[in-house]
Protein backbone atom coordinates (compact mmCIF):
# COMPACT_ATOMS: atom_id res chain seq x y z
CA UNK A 1 12.70 33.25 -59.93
CA UNK A 2 16.13 33.51 -58.18
CA UNK A 3 18.27 30.33 -57.73
CA UNK A 4 21.65 29.95 -56.24
CA UNK A 5 24.39 30.69 -58.89
CA UNK A 6 26.46 27.44 -59.28
CA UNK A 7 29.13 29.11 -61.66
CA UNK A 8 32.74 28.63 -60.59
CA UNK A 9 33.11 32.49 -60.93
CA UNK A 10 29.70 34.26 -60.35
CA UNK A 11 29.54 37.13 -62.73
CA UNK A 12 27.08 39.93 -63.53
CA UNK A 13 25.84 37.99 -66.59
CA UNK A 14 25.23 34.82 -64.54
CA UNK A 15 22.95 37.09 -62.42
CA UNK A 16 21.21 38.40 -65.44
CA UNK A 17 20.60 34.83 -66.57
CA UNK A 18 18.58 33.80 -63.64
CA UNK A 19 15.07 34.48 -64.93
CA UNK A 20 13.46 34.33 -68.28
CA UNK A 21 12.84 38.13 -68.54
CA UNK A 22 15.79 39.40 -66.53
CA UNK A 23 18.26 39.57 -69.42
CA UNK A 24 15.53 40.89 -71.82
CA UNK A 25 14.55 43.62 -69.36
CA UNK A 26 18.21 44.64 -68.90
CA UNK A 27 19.01 44.68 -72.58
CA UNK A 28 15.85 46.82 -73.32
CA UNK A 29 16.53 49.23 -70.62
CA UNK A 30 20.21 49.82 -71.25
CA UNK A 31 20.47 49.36 -74.98
CA UNK A 32 17.06 49.71 -76.85
CA UNK A 33 15.58 52.69 -74.91
CA UNK A 34 18.95 54.72 -75.23
CA UNK A 35 18.81 54.06 -78.98
CA UNK A 36 15.38 55.70 -79.23
CA UNK A 37 16.60 58.69 -77.23
CA UNK A 38 19.80 59.08 -79.36
CA UNK A 39 17.65 58.73 -82.63
CA UNK A 40 15.33 61.49 -81.58
CA UNK A 41 18.16 63.75 -80.32
CA UNK A 42 20.04 63.35 -83.63
CA UNK A 43 16.97 63.75 -85.72
CA UNK A 44 16.28 67.09 -83.89
CA UNK A 45 19.76 68.18 -84.46
CA UNK A 46 19.88 67.46 -88.10
CA UNK A 47 16.53 69.29 -88.57
CA UNK A 48 17.87 72.31 -86.86
CA UNK A 49 21.04 72.28 -89.11
CA UNK A 50 18.68 71.97 -92.13
CA UNK A 51 16.78 75.00 -91.04
CA UNK A 52 19.98 76.98 -90.68
CA UNK A 53 21.12 76.07 -94.15
CA UNK A 54 17.80 77.39 -95.77
C-alpha cells in the first residue's frame, strides 16, 4: 500500500494519496464525523432555546 513518494517536495497530501482508501478515511475522520457531532450539538442547543421561549 505504501510506495516511495517521488514528488519533488513531499507533502502531507502526497502521503495521503498513497492508497485507495487513505484519503477517504482521512476526510471522513476529520471532516464528515465532526459535522455529525456539530449537527447534533447545535440541534440540542436549538431545542433547549425553544423550550426556554415557551
